[in-house]
Amino acid sequence: MSALLRAVRHEDLLLITLEHPSGLPRLERAVLRELGLQIEWLAGARELVGAVITGSARAFCAGAELGEITSLLGGEALEFAREGQSVMERIERSTKPVIAAVRGHCMGGGFDLALACRGRVAERDAVFAHRGAALGLVTGWGGTQRLARLIGAARTTEILVTGKVIDADEALAIGLVREIVSDTEVLPRAMELARGYALKLAREIQRLRSRV
């Protein structure tokens, strides 16, 4: 397991924490791969009903590691984009709900990660942005499509082109996050939400089976 990602079982949930010595977790390639492996493991863990992904007090995730990105050549960059897309799709399509517990900065690839989750809970100081435009970059991990489906094409275009920073209140108003809670309540509420989604899914499966 990467030293920058910690995954532990918390009762009936998998708690995935992104870490970094600076307090600003980033999706380095090793972290991205480990994240994908944890989501795969979750699918087969019968005792677990879902997962919560979180970061540090300063940042949910500050994005991809720019040092790695700028060193990639054409074919390597394409491979990295596809690798990120694959992990985000696994999270999005997981039959066990994955919830993002967001504190602090949620930027770039970290924003893509939060968007791939079934739902998002934020604390008051959380901020969201895709700052790639200032660097001549566009996210390749599916965030452009997921964001448009969630808040509409017009708002998405504004956010991507201008690099606009969205605070928690605006994120709630436009439907980007499900709710805002205090810092100490972010993780417990995200866990509660994951269990709630899992229960709804189980009831729906039971309902469908009863009709067969």
N, C-alpha and C. Protein backbone atom coordinates (compact mmCIF):
# COMPACT_ATOMS: atom_id res chain seq x y z
N MET A 1 0.84 -1.20 0.00
CA MET A 1 0.00 0.00 0.00
C MET A 1 0.87 1.25 0.00
N SER A 2 0.47 2.26 -0.76
CA SER A 2 1.22 3.51 -0.80
C SER A 2 1.21 4.19 0.55
N ALA A 3 2.35 4.83 0.89
CA ALA A 3 2.43 5.56 2.16
C ALA A 3 1.53 6.79 2.14
N LEU A 4 1.01 7.14 0.96
CA LEU A 4 0.18 8.33 0.82
C LEU A 4 -1.30 7.99 0.76
N LEU A 5 -1.64 6.74 0.99
CA LEU A 5 -3.04 6.33 1.04
C LEU A 5 -3.21 5.31 2.16
N ARG A 6 -4.19 5.54 3.01
CA ARG A 6 -4.46 4.62 4.12
C ARG A 6 -5.89 4.11 3.98
N ALA A 7 -6.05 2.82 4.00
CA ALA A 7 -7.38 2.21 3.88
C ALA A 7 -7.60 1.28 5.06
N VAL A 8 -8.65 1.53 5.82
CA VAL A 8 -8.96 0.70 6.99
C VAL A 8 -10.44 0.39 7.01
N ARG A 9 -10.76 -0.73 7.60
CA ARG A 9 -12.17 -1.08 7.79
C ARG A 9 -12.71 -0.35 9.01
N HIS A 10 -13.84 0.30 8.84
CA HIS A 10 -14.51 0.96 9.96
C HIS A 10 -15.92 0.39 10.04
N GLU A 11 -16.07 -0.58 10.92
CA GLU A 11 -17.34 -1.30 11.03
C GLU A 11 -17.69 -1.90 9.68
N ASP A 12 -18.79 -1.50 9.06
CA ASP A 12 -19.19 -2.09 7.78
C ASP A 12 -18.80 -1.26 6.58
N LEU A 13 -17.87 -0.32 6.77
CA LEU A 13 -17.43 0.55 5.68
C LEU A 13 -15.91 0.49 5.52
N LEU A 14 -15.47 0.81 4.31
CA LEU A 14 -14.04 0.99 4.04
C LEU A 14 -13.75 2.48 4.07
N LEU A 15 -12.85 2.89 4.92
CA LEU A 15 -12.47 4.28 5.04
C LEU A 15 -11.12 4.48 4.35
N ILE A 16 -11.12 5.25 3.26
CA ILE A 16 -9.91 5.53 2.49
C ILE A 16 -9.49 6.96 2.75
N THR A 17 -8.28 7.14 3.24
CA THR A 17 -7.78 8.47 3.55
C THR A 17 -6.56 8.78 2.70
N LEU A 18 -6.63 9.88 1.96
CA LEU A 18 -5.50 10.35 1.17
C LEU A 18 -4.62 11.21 2.07
N GLU A 19 -3.31 10.95 2.06
CA GLU A 19 -2.41 11.63 2.97
C GLU A 19 -1.21 12.21 2.23
N HIS A 20 -0.55 13.17 2.86
CA HIS A 20 0.68 13.73 2.31
C HIS A 20 1.37 14.51 3.42
N PRO A 21 2.71 14.45 3.49
CA PRO A 21 3.42 15.18 4.55
C PRO A 21 3.11 16.67 4.58
N SER A 22 2.81 17.25 3.43
CA SER A 22 2.50 18.68 3.36
C SER A 22 1.10 19.01 3.84
N GLY A 23 0.28 17.98 4.02
CA GLY A 23 -1.12 18.21 4.37
C GLY A 23 -1.99 18.43 3.16
N LEU A 24 -1.40 18.35 1.96
CA LEU A 24 -2.13 18.54 0.71
C LEU A 24 -2.03 17.26 -0.12
N PRO A 25 -2.90 16.30 0.12
CA PRO A 25 -2.85 15.03 -0.61
C PRO A 25 -2.95 15.25 -2.12
N ARG A 26 -2.22 14.44 -2.87
CA ARG A 26 -2.25 14.50 -4.33
C ARG A 26 -2.40 13.08 -4.89
N LEU A 27 -2.95 13.01 -6.09
CA LEU A 27 -3.15 11.72 -6.74
C LEU A 27 -1.93 11.38 -7.59
N GLU A 28 -0.86 11.02 -6.93
CA GLU A 28 0.30 10.51 -7.63
C GLU A 28 -0.08 9.18 -8.27
N ARG A 29 0.69 8.73 -9.23
CA ARG A 29 0.33 7.51 -9.95
C ARG A 29 0.21 6.32 -9.01
N ALA A 30 1.12 6.21 -8.05
CA ALA A 30 1.07 5.09 -7.11
C ALA A 30 -0.19 5.16 -6.26
N VAL A 31 -0.59 6.36 -5.89
CA VAL A 31 -1.80 6.55 -5.09
C VAL A 31 -3.02 6.19 -5.93
N LEU A 32 -3.04 6.63 -7.16
CA LEU A 32 -4.16 6.35 -8.06
C LEU A 32 -4.34 4.84 -8.24
N ARG A 33 -3.22 4.14 -8.43
CA ARG A 33 -3.30 2.69 -8.61
C ARG A 33 -3.80 1.99 -7.35
N GLU A 34 -3.29 2.43 -6.20
CA GLU A 34 -3.73 1.83 -4.94
C GLU A 34 -5.21 2.10 -4.70
N LEU A 35 -5.67 3.28 -5.05
CA LEU A 35 -7.08 3.62 -4.91
C LEU A 35 -7.94 2.66 -5.73
N GLY A 36 -7.51 2.42 -6.97
CA GLY A 36 -8.24 1.48 -7.82
C GLY A 36 -8.28 0.08 -7.23
N LEU A 37 -7.17 -0.36 -6.65
CA LEU A 37 -7.11 -1.69 -6.03
C LEU A 37 -8.04 -1.78 -4.83
N GLN A 38 -8.12 -0.71 -4.05
CA GLN A 38 -8.99 -0.71 -2.88
C GLN A 38 -10.46 -0.79 -3.29
N ILE A 39 -10.82 -0.10 -4.36
CA ILE A 39 -12.21 -0.15 -4.84
C ILE A 39 -12.54 -1.54 -5.36
N GLU A 40 -11.58 -2.18 -6.02
CA GLU A 40 -11.77 -3.56 -6.47
C GLU A 40 -11.96 -4.49 -5.28
N TRP A 41 -11.13 -4.30 -4.26
CA TRP A 41 -11.25 -5.14 -3.06
C TRP A 41 -12.60 -4.95 -2.38
N LEU A 42 -13.06 -3.71 -2.35
CA LEU A 42 -14.36 -3.41 -1.74
C LEU A 42 -15.47 -4.23 -2.39
N ALA A 43 -15.41 -4.36 -3.71
CA ALA A 43 -16.46 -5.07 -4.44
C ALA A 43 -16.61 -6.51 -3.95
N GLY A 44 -15.50 -7.13 -3.57
CA GLY A 44 -15.55 -8.52 -3.14
C GLY A 44 -15.64 -8.73 -1.65
N ALA A 45 -15.62 -7.66 -0.87
CA ALA A 45 -15.67 -7.77 0.59
C ALA A 45 -17.12 -7.83 1.05
N ARG A 46 -17.62 -9.02 1.27
CA ARG A 46 -19.04 -9.21 1.55
C ARG A 46 -19.49 -8.53 2.84
N GLU A 47 -18.54 -8.34 3.76
CA GLU A 47 -18.91 -7.73 5.05
C GLU A 47 -19.01 -6.21 4.99
N LEU A 48 -18.60 -5.62 3.86
CA LEU A 48 -18.62 -4.16 3.73
C LEU A 48 -19.75 -3.72 2.80
N VAL A 49 -20.40 -2.60 3.15
CA VAL A 49 -21.55 -2.13 2.36
C VAL A 49 -21.21 -0.90 1.52
N GLY A 50 -20.06 -0.28 1.77
CA GLY A 50 -19.71 0.93 1.02
C GLY A 50 -18.38 1.48 1.50
N ALA A 51 -18.06 2.68 1.02
CA ALA A 51 -16.78 3.30 1.37
C ALA A 51 -16.92 4.80 1.47
N VAL A 52 -15.99 5.40 2.20
CA VAL A 52 -15.88 6.86 2.29
C VAL A 52 -14.45 7.22 1.96
N ILE A 53 -14.29 8.22 1.08
CA ILE A 53 -12.96 8.73 0.75
C ILE A 53 -12.81 10.12 1.35
N THR A 54 -11.71 10.36 2.03
CA THR A 54 -11.47 11.65 2.63
C THR A 54 -9.99 12.00 2.50
N GLY A 55 -9.63 13.19 2.96
CA GLY A 55 -8.24 13.63 2.91
C GLY A 55 -7.81 14.21 4.23
N SER A 56 -7.07 15.29 4.19
CA SER A 56 -6.59 15.94 5.40
C SER A 56 -7.52 17.09 5.78
N ALA A 57 -7.19 17.76 6.87
CA ALA A 57 -7.97 18.92 7.29
C ALA A 57 -7.81 20.07 6.30
N ARG A 58 -6.67 20.11 5.58
CA ARG A 58 -6.40 21.20 4.64
C ARG A 58 -6.95 20.92 3.25
N ALA A 59 -7.04 19.65 2.89
CA ALA A 59 -7.47 19.35 1.52
C ALA A 59 -8.01 17.93 1.41
N PHE A 60 -9.12 17.81 0.74
CA PHE A 60 -9.62 16.50 0.32
C PHE A 60 -8.59 15.90 -0.63
N CYS A 61 -8.25 16.67 -1.65
CA CYS A 61 -7.18 16.31 -2.58
C CYS A 61 -6.85 17.52 -3.42
N ALA A 62 -5.58 17.84 -3.52
CA ALA A 62 -5.14 19.03 -4.27
C ALA A 62 -4.96 18.75 -5.75
N GLY A 63 -5.27 17.53 -6.20
CA GLY A 63 -5.19 17.21 -7.61
C GLY A 63 -4.08 16.22 -7.92
N ALA A 64 -3.81 16.07 -9.21
CA ALA A 64 -2.72 15.19 -9.63
C ALA A 64 -1.37 15.83 -9.28
N GLU A 65 -0.34 15.03 -9.29
CA GLU A 65 1.01 15.53 -9.01
C GLU A 65 1.56 16.18 -10.28
N LEU A 66 1.68 17.51 -10.26
CA LEU A 66 2.09 18.24 -11.46
C LEU A 66 3.49 17.85 -11.93
N GLY A 67 4.34 17.51 -10.99
CA GLY A 67 5.69 17.10 -11.36
C GLY A 67 5.67 15.86 -12.23
N GLU A 68 4.76 14.95 -11.93
CA GLU A 68 4.62 13.74 -12.74
C GLU A 68 4.02 14.07 -14.10
N ILE A 69 3.00 14.91 -14.11
CA ILE A 69 2.29 15.23 -15.35
C ILE A 69 3.22 15.89 -16.36
N THR A 70 3.98 16.87 -15.89
CA THR A 70 4.83 17.63 -16.81
C THR A 70 5.98 16.81 -17.37
N SER A 71 6.28 15.69 -16.73
CA SER A 71 7.38 14.85 -17.21
C SER A 71 6.91 13.78 -18.20
N LEU A 72 5.59 13.66 -18.38
CA LEU A 72 5.05 12.62 -19.25
C LEU A 72 5.15 13.02 -20.72
N LEU A 73 5.54 12.04 -21.55
CA LEU A 73 5.54 12.25 -22.99
C LEU A 73 4.17 11.86 -23.53
N GLY A 74 3.96 12.01 -24.84
CA GLY A 74 2.64 11.80 -25.44
C GLY A 74 1.98 10.49 -25.07
N GLY A 75 2.66 9.36 -25.34
CA GLY A 75 2.08 8.06 -25.04
C GLY A 75 1.88 7.83 -23.56
N GLU A 76 2.81 8.31 -22.75
CA GLU A 76 2.71 8.16 -21.30
C GLU A 76 1.55 8.99 -20.75
N ALA A 77 1.37 10.17 -21.30
CA ALA A 77 0.28 11.04 -20.86
C ALA A 77 -1.06 10.39 -21.16
N LEU A 78 -1.18 9.78 -22.33
CA LEU A 78 -2.42 9.09 -22.69
C LEU A 78 -2.69 7.92 -21.76
N GLU A 79 -1.64 7.18 -21.44
CA GLU A 79 -1.78 6.05 -20.52
C GLU A 79 -2.22 6.52 -19.14
N PHE A 80 -1.65 7.63 -18.68
CA PHE A 80 -2.00 8.17 -17.38
C PHE A 80 -3.46 8.62 -17.36
N ALA A 81 -3.90 9.25 -18.44
CA ALA A 81 -5.29 9.69 -18.53
C ALA A 81 -6.23 8.49 -18.49
N ARG A 82 -5.88 7.45 -19.22
CA ARG A 82 -6.73 6.26 -19.25
C ARG A 82 -6.74 5.56 -17.89
N GLU A 83 -5.60 5.56 -17.23
CA GLU A 83 -5.51 4.95 -15.91
C GLU A 83 -6.43 5.68 -14.93
N GLY A 84 -6.37 7.02 -14.97
CA GLY A 84 -7.24 7.80 -14.11
C GLY A 84 -8.71 7.60 -14.44
N GLN A 85 -9.04 7.55 -15.71
CA GLN A 85 -10.42 7.33 -16.13
C GLN A 85 -10.93 5.99 -15.61
N SER A 86 -10.07 4.97 -15.69
CA SER A 86 -10.47 3.64 -15.24
C SER A 86 -10.80 3.62 -13.75
N VAL A 87 -9.97 4.29 -12.95
CA VAL A 87 -10.21 4.32 -11.50
C VAL A 87 -11.49 5.08 -11.20
N MET A 88 -11.71 6.22 -11.85
CA MET A 88 -12.91 7.01 -11.60
C MET A 88 -14.16 6.24 -12.01
N GLU A 89 -14.08 5.49 -13.10
CA GLU A 89 -15.22 4.70 -13.54
C GLU A 89 -15.53 3.58 -12.56
N ARG A 90 -14.49 2.98 -11.99
CA ARG A 90 -14.71 1.93 -10.99
C ARG A 90 -15.45 2.48 -9.77
N ILE A 91 -15.06 3.69 -9.38
CA ILE A 91 -15.72 4.33 -8.23
C ILE A 91 -17.17 4.66 -8.58
N GLU A 92 -17.37 5.26 -9.74
CA GLU A 92 -18.71 5.66 -10.15
C GLU A 92 -19.65 4.47 -10.31
N ARG A 93 -19.14 3.37 -10.84
CA ARG A 93 -19.97 2.20 -11.14
C ARG A 93 -20.02 1.19 -10.01
N SER A 94 -19.33 1.47 -8.93
CA SER A 94 -19.31 0.54 -7.80
C SER A 94 -20.72 0.23 -7.33
N THR A 95 -21.00 -1.04 -7.14
CA THR A 95 -22.32 -1.43 -6.63
C THR A 95 -22.45 -1.11 -5.15
N LYS A 96 -21.32 -0.79 -4.51
CA LYS A 96 -21.33 -0.35 -3.12
C LYS A 96 -21.01 1.14 -3.11
N PRO A 97 -21.89 1.96 -2.55
CA PRO A 97 -21.73 3.42 -2.65
C PRO A 97 -20.43 3.93 -2.05
N VAL A 98 -19.80 4.85 -2.79
CA VAL A 98 -18.59 5.52 -2.33
C VAL A 98 -18.91 7.00 -2.15
N ILE A 99 -18.68 7.53 -0.96
CA ILE A 99 -19.02 8.91 -0.63
C ILE A 99 -17.75 9.71 -0.36
N ALA A 100 -17.72 10.95 -0.83
CA ALA A 100 -16.59 11.85 -0.59
C ALA A 100 -16.88 12.73 0.62
N ALA A 101 -15.97 12.72 1.59
CA ALA A 101 -16.05 13.60 2.76
C ALA A 101 -15.02 14.70 2.55
N VAL A 102 -15.49 15.90 2.18
CA VAL A 102 -14.61 16.96 1.70
C VAL A 102 -14.36 18.03 2.75
N ARG A 103 -13.09 18.21 3.06
CA ARG A 103 -12.64 19.33 3.88
C ARG A 103 -11.56 20.07 3.10
N GLY A 104 -11.53 21.38 3.23
CA GLY A 104 -10.49 22.16 2.57
C GLY A 104 -10.58 22.12 1.05
N HIS A 105 -9.42 22.11 0.39
CA HIS A 105 -9.34 22.20 -1.06
C HIS A 105 -9.69 20.88 -1.75
N CYS A 106 -10.50 21.00 -2.77
CA CYS A 106 -10.85 19.86 -3.63
C CYS A 106 -10.61 20.34 -5.05
N MET A 107 -9.43 20.05 -5.59
CA MET A 107 -8.98 20.69 -6.82
C MET A 107 -8.61 19.68 -7.90
N GLY A 108 -8.78 20.10 -9.16
CA GLY A 108 -8.30 19.33 -10.30
C GLY A 108 -8.72 17.88 -10.26
N GLY A 109 -7.71 16.99 -10.26
CA GLY A 109 -8.00 15.57 -10.21
C GLY A 109 -8.73 15.17 -8.95
N GLY A 110 -8.53 15.92 -7.86
CA GLY A 110 -9.27 15.66 -6.64
C GLY A 110 -10.75 15.98 -6.81
N PHE A 111 -11.03 17.01 -7.58
CA PHE A 111 -12.41 17.37 -7.92
C PHE A 111 -13.03 16.25 -8.75
N ASP A 112 -12.27 15.73 -9.72
CA ASP A 112 -12.74 14.59 -10.51
C ASP A 112 -13.08 13.41 -9.62
N LEU A 113 -12.22 13.16 -8.64
CA LEU A 113 -12.45 12.05 -7.71
C LEU A 113 -13.75 12.24 -6.93
N ALA A 114 -13.95 13.44 -6.41
CA ALA A 114 -15.18 13.71 -5.66
C ALA A 114 -16.41 13.55 -6.55
N LEU A 115 -16.31 13.97 -7.81
CA LEU A 115 -17.43 13.85 -8.74
C LEU A 115 -17.75 12.41 -9.07
N ALA A 116 -16.75 11.54 -9.04
CA ALA A 116 -16.98 10.13 -9.34
C ALA A 116 -17.71 9.42 -8.21
N CYS A 117 -17.70 10.00 -7.02
CA CYS A 117 -18.37 9.40 -5.87
C CYS A 117 -19.88 9.54 -5.97
N ARG A 118 -20.58 8.65 -5.28
CA ARG A 118 -22.05 8.65 -5.31
C ARG A 118 -22.63 9.94 -4.71
N GLY A 119 -21.95 10.49 -3.73
CA GLY A 119 -22.40 11.72 -3.10
C GLY A 119 -21.25 12.42 -2.42
N ARG A 120 -21.46 13.68 -2.06
CA ARG A 120 -20.41 14.50 -1.47
C ARG A 120 -20.97 15.26 -0.26
N VAL A 121 -20.26 15.19 0.85
CA VAL A 121 -20.56 15.97 2.04
C VAL A 121 -19.39 16.91 2.27
N ALA A 122 -19.66 18.19 2.53
CA ALA A 122 -18.58 19.17 2.67
C ALA A 122 -18.66 19.91 4.00
N GLU A 123 -17.51 20.33 4.49
CA GLU A 123 -17.50 21.21 5.65
C GLU A 123 -17.48 22.65 5.15
N ARG A 124 -17.70 23.57 6.05
CA ARG A 124 -17.92 24.97 5.70
C ARG A 124 -16.78 25.60 4.90
N ASP A 125 -15.54 25.20 5.15
CA ASP A 125 -14.40 25.81 4.48
C ASP A 125 -13.99 25.09 3.20
N ALA A 126 -14.75 24.11 2.77
CA ALA A 126 -14.42 23.38 1.55
C ALA A 126 -14.53 24.29 0.32
N VAL A 127 -13.62 24.11 -0.63
CA VAL A 127 -13.66 24.84 -1.89
C VAL A 127 -13.35 23.88 -3.03
N PHE A 128 -14.00 24.12 -4.16
CA PHE A 128 -13.86 23.24 -5.33
C PHE A 128 -13.41 24.06 -6.53
N ALA A 129 -12.53 23.48 -7.36
CA ALA A 129 -12.10 24.20 -8.57
C ALA A 129 -11.34 23.27 -9.49
N HIS A 130 -11.40 23.61 -10.77
CA HIS A 130 -10.53 23.03 -11.78
C HIS A 130 -9.66 24.17 -12.27
N ARG A 131 -8.40 24.21 -11.84
CA ARG A 131 -7.51 25.33 -12.16
C ARG A 131 -6.64 25.04 -13.39
N GLY A 132 -6.95 23.98 -14.10
CA GLY A 132 -6.13 23.59 -15.23
C GLY A 132 -6.01 24.62 -16.32
N ALA A 133 -7.06 25.43 -16.51
CA ALA A 133 -7.04 26.42 -17.59
C ALA A 133 -5.84 27.37 -17.44
N ALA A 134 -5.49 27.69 -16.21
CA ALA A 134 -4.37 28.61 -15.97
C ALA A 134 -3.04 27.96 -16.34
N LEU A 135 -3.04 26.63 -16.42
CA LEU A 135 -1.81 25.90 -16.74
C LEU A 135 -1.85 25.32 -18.15
N GLY A 136 -2.92 25.61 -18.88
CA GLY A 136 -3.07 25.05 -20.21
C GLY A 136 -3.44 23.59 -20.21
N LEU A 137 -4.12 23.14 -19.13
CA LEU A 137 -4.49 21.74 -18.98
C LEU A 137 -6.01 21.58 -18.88
N VAL A 138 -6.49 20.46 -19.38
CA VAL A 138 -7.89 20.09 -19.22
C VAL A 138 -7.92 18.70 -18.61
N THR A 139 -8.73 18.50 -17.60
CA THR A 139 -8.77 17.21 -16.93
C THR A 139 -9.12 16.09 -17.91
N GLY A 140 -8.46 14.95 -17.75
CA GLY A 140 -8.72 13.82 -18.62
C GLY A 140 -9.34 12.65 -17.90
N TRP A 141 -9.87 12.90 -16.70
CA TRP A 141 -10.39 11.80 -15.89
C TRP A 141 -11.91 11.77 -15.80
N GLY A 142 -12.58 12.42 -16.74
CA GLY A 142 -14.03 12.33 -16.80
C GLY A 142 -14.78 13.38 -16.01
N GLY A 143 -14.06 14.28 -15.35
CA GLY A 143 -14.72 15.29 -14.54
C GLY A 143 -15.54 16.26 -15.35
N THR A 144 -15.12 16.52 -16.58
CA THR A 144 -15.88 17.47 -17.42
C THR A 144 -17.28 16.94 -17.69
N GLN A 145 -17.40 15.67 -17.99
CA GLN A 145 -18.71 15.08 -18.26
C GLN A 145 -19.55 14.93 -17.00
N ARG A 146 -18.93 14.47 -15.93
CA ARG A 146 -19.69 14.27 -14.69
C ARG A 146 -20.19 15.59 -14.12
N LEU A 147 -19.37 16.62 -14.20
CA LEU A 147 -19.77 17.92 -13.69
C LEU A 147 -20.93 18.48 -14.50
N ALA A 148 -20.88 18.33 -15.81
CA ALA A 148 -21.97 18.82 -16.67
C ALA A 148 -23.27 18.10 -16.38
N ARG A 149 -23.20 16.80 -16.15
CA ARG A 149 -24.43 16.06 -15.83
C ARG A 149 -25.01 16.49 -14.50
N LEU A 150 -24.14 16.93 -13.61
CA LEU A 150 -24.58 17.28 -12.27
C LEU A 150 -25.12 18.70 -12.17
N ILE A 151 -24.45 19.66 -12.81
CA ILE A 151 -24.85 21.07 -12.64
C ILE A 151 -25.17 21.78 -13.95
N GLY A 152 -25.08 21.07 -15.07
CA GLY A 152 -25.42 21.68 -16.35
C GLY A 152 -24.20 22.16 -17.13
N ALA A 153 -24.36 22.24 -18.44
CA ALA A 153 -23.25 22.59 -19.32
C ALA A 153 -22.77 24.02 -19.14
N ALA A 154 -23.68 24.96 -18.95
CA ALA A 154 -23.29 26.37 -18.86
C ALA A 154 -22.41 26.62 -17.64
N ARG A 155 -22.83 26.16 -16.48
CA ARG A 155 -22.04 26.36 -15.26
C ARG A 155 -20.70 25.62 -15.37
N THR A 156 -20.74 24.42 -15.95
CA THR A 156 -19.51 23.65 -16.10
C THR A 156 -18.50 24.38 -16.97
N THR A 157 -18.97 24.93 -18.08
CA THR A 157 -18.08 25.67 -18.97
C THR A 157 -17.44 26.85 -18.25
N GLU A 158 -18.23 27.58 -17.48
CA GLU A 158 -17.70 28.71 -16.73
C GLU A 158 -16.61 28.26 -15.75
N ILE A 159 -16.88 27.18 -15.05
CA ILE A 159 -15.93 26.70 -14.04
C ILE A 159 -14.62 26.25 -14.69
N LEU A 160 -14.73 25.54 -15.80
CA LEU A 160 -13.53 25.00 -16.44
C LEU A 160 -12.72 26.07 -17.16
N VAL A 161 -13.40 27.01 -17.81
CA VAL A 161 -12.70 28.02 -18.59
C VAL A 161 -12.08 29.10 -17.71
N THR A 162 -12.78 29.48 -16.65
CA THR A 162 -12.29 30.57 -15.80
C THR A 162 -11.48 30.09 -14.61
N GLY A 163 -11.57 28.80 -14.29
CA GLY A 163 -10.89 28.30 -13.09
C GLY A 163 -11.55 28.79 -11.82
N LYS A 164 -12.82 29.14 -11.90
CA LYS A 164 -13.57 29.68 -10.77
C LYS A 164 -13.50 28.76 -9.55
N VAL A 165 -13.32 29.37 -8.38
CA VAL A 165 -13.32 28.63 -7.12
C VAL A 165 -14.72 28.69 -6.52
N ILE A 166 -15.27 27.54 -6.21
CA ILE A 166 -16.62 27.43 -5.68
C ILE A 166 -16.54 27.14 -4.18
N ASP A 167 -17.14 28.00 -3.39
CA ASP A 167 -17.13 27.76 -1.95
C ASP A 167 -18.26 26.79 -1.58
N ALA A 168 -18.32 26.39 -0.33
CA ALA A 168 -19.27 25.38 0.10
C ALA A 168 -20.71 25.82 -0.10
N ASP A 169 -21.01 27.08 0.19
CA ASP A 169 -22.39 27.56 0.05
C ASP A 169 -22.85 27.48 -1.40
N GLU A 170 -22.00 27.90 -2.32
CA GLU A 170 -22.37 27.83 -3.74
C GLU A 170 -22.46 26.38 -4.19
N ALA A 171 -21.55 25.55 -3.71
CA ALA A 171 -21.57 24.14 -4.07
C ALA A 171 -22.89 23.49 -3.67
N LEU A 172 -23.39 23.87 -2.50
CA LEU A 172 -24.68 23.34 -2.05
C LEU A 172 -25.81 23.89 -2.90
N ALA A 173 -25.76 25.18 -3.22
CA ALA A 173 -26.82 25.83 -3.98
C ALA A 173 -26.97 25.24 -5.38
N ILE A 174 -25.87 24.86 -6.01
CA ILE A 174 -25.94 24.36 -7.38
C ILE A 174 -26.01 22.83 -7.44
N GLY A 175 -26.06 22.19 -6.29
CA GLY A 175 -26.22 20.74 -6.26
C GLY A 175 -24.94 19.94 -6.37
N LEU A 176 -23.82 20.61 -6.16
CA LEU A 176 -22.54 19.91 -6.24
C LEU A 176 -22.31 19.03 -5.01
N VAL A 177 -22.75 19.51 -3.85
CA VAL A 177 -22.66 18.71 -2.63
C VAL A 177 -24.05 18.49 -2.06
N ARG A 178 -24.18 17.42 -1.30
CA ARG A 178 -25.48 17.06 -0.73
C ARG A 178 -25.81 17.95 0.48
N GLU A 179 -24.78 18.23 1.29
CA GLU A 179 -25.00 19.06 2.46
C GLU A 179 -23.69 19.59 3.02
N ILE A 180 -23.80 20.64 3.85
CA ILE A 180 -22.65 21.22 4.54
C ILE A 180 -22.80 20.93 6.02
N VAL A 181 -21.74 20.45 6.63
CA VAL A 181 -21.75 20.15 8.06
C VAL A 181 -20.49 20.72 8.69
N SER A 182 -20.40 20.67 10.00
CA SER A 182 -19.21 21.14 10.68
C SER A 182 -18.04 20.21 10.41
N ASP A 183 -16.84 20.69 10.66
CA ASP A 183 -15.64 19.92 10.38
C ASP A 183 -15.67 18.56 11.07
N THR A 184 -16.10 18.53 12.31
CA THR A 184 -16.11 17.27 13.05
C THR A 184 -17.20 16.31 12.60
N GLU A 185 -18.17 16.82 11.85
CA GLU A 185 -19.29 15.99 11.41
C GLU A 185 -19.14 15.47 9.99
N VAL A 186 -18.11 15.93 9.26
CA VAL A 186 -17.98 15.54 7.85
C VAL A 186 -17.87 14.03 7.69
N LEU A 187 -16.95 13.42 8.42
CA LEU A 187 -16.75 11.98 8.28
C LEU A 187 -17.95 11.18 8.78
N PRO A 188 -18.46 11.45 9.99
CA PRO A 188 -19.64 10.70 10.44
C PRO A 188 -20.83 10.83 9.49
N ARG A 189 -21.05 12.02 8.96
CA ARG A 189 -22.19 12.21 8.06
C ARG A 189 -21.99 11.47 6.75
N ALA A 190 -20.75 11.47 6.24
CA ALA A 190 -20.46 10.74 5.00
C ALA A 190 -20.68 9.25 5.21
N MET A 191 -20.29 8.74 6.36
CA MET A 191 -20.51 7.33 6.66
C MET A 191 -22.00 7.02 6.74
N GLU A 192 -22.73 7.91 7.37
CA GLU A 192 -24.17 7.73 7.47
C GLU A 192 -24.82 7.71 6.09
N LEU A 193 -24.35 8.59 5.23
CA LEU A 193 -24.89 8.67 3.88
C LEU A 193 -24.56 7.39 3.10
N ALA A 194 -23.34 6.89 3.23
CA ALA A 194 -22.96 5.65 2.54
C ALA A 194 -23.85 4.50 2.98
N ARG A 195 -24.10 4.40 4.26
CA ARG A 195 -24.95 3.32 4.76
C ARG A 195 -26.39 3.50 4.27
N GLY A 196 -26.83 4.76 4.20
CA GLY A 196 -28.19 5.03 3.72
C GLY A 196 -28.37 4.61 2.27
N TYR A 197 -27.39 4.95 1.42
CA TYR A 197 -27.45 4.53 0.02
C TYR A 197 -27.43 3.02 -0.09
N ALA A 198 -26.58 2.37 0.72
CA ALA A 198 -26.47 0.92 0.67
C ALA A 198 -27.78 0.26 1.06
N LEU A 199 -28.46 0.81 2.05
CA LEU A 199 -29.75 0.26 2.49
C LEU A 199 -30.80 0.41 1.40
N LYS A 200 -30.83 1.57 0.76
CA LYS A 200 -31.78 1.79 -0.33
C LYS A 200 -31.55 0.80 -1.46
N LEU A 201 -30.27 0.56 -1.78
CA LEU A 201 -29.92 -0.36 -2.84
C LEU A 201 -30.36 -1.78 -2.48
N ALA A 202 -30.12 -2.18 -1.24
CA ALA A 202 -30.51 -3.51 -0.80
C ALA A 202 -32.02 -3.69 -0.87
N ARG A 203 -32.76 -2.66 -0.47
CA ARG A 203 -34.23 -2.73 -0.53
C ARG A 203 -34.72 -2.82 -1.97
N GLU A 204 -34.06 -2.08 -2.87
CA GLU A 204 -34.46 -2.11 -4.27
C GLU A 204 -34.19 -3.49 -4.88
N ILE A 205 -33.06 -4.09 -4.53
CA ILE A 205 -32.74 -5.43 -5.02
C ILE A 205 -33.77 -6.43 -4.51
N GLN A 206 -34.11 -6.30 -3.24
CA GLN A 206 -35.10 -7.19 -2.65
C GLN A 206 -36.45 -7.03 -3.32
N ARG A 207 -36.83 -5.79 -3.63
CA ARG A 207 -38.10 -5.52 -4.30
C ARG A 207 -38.14 -6.15 -5.69
N LEU A 208 -37.04 -6.03 -6.42
CA LEU A 208 -36.97 -6.60 -7.76
C LEU A 208 -37.01 -8.11 -7.73
N ARG A 209 -36.34 -8.70 -6.75
CA ARG A 209 -36.34 -10.15 -6.64
C ARG A 209 -37.73 -10.69 -6.30
N SER A 210 -38.46 -9.91 -5.50
CA SER A 210 -39.80 -10.36 -5.11
C SER A 210 -40.78 -10.35 -6.27
N ARG A 211 -40.44 -9.62 -7.32
CA ARG A 211 -41.32 -9.52 -8.47
C ARG A 211 -41.03 -10.57 -9.53
N VAL A 212 -39.91 -11.32 -9.31
CA VAL A 212 -39.53 -12.34 -10.30
C VAL A 212 -40.36 -13.62 -10.09
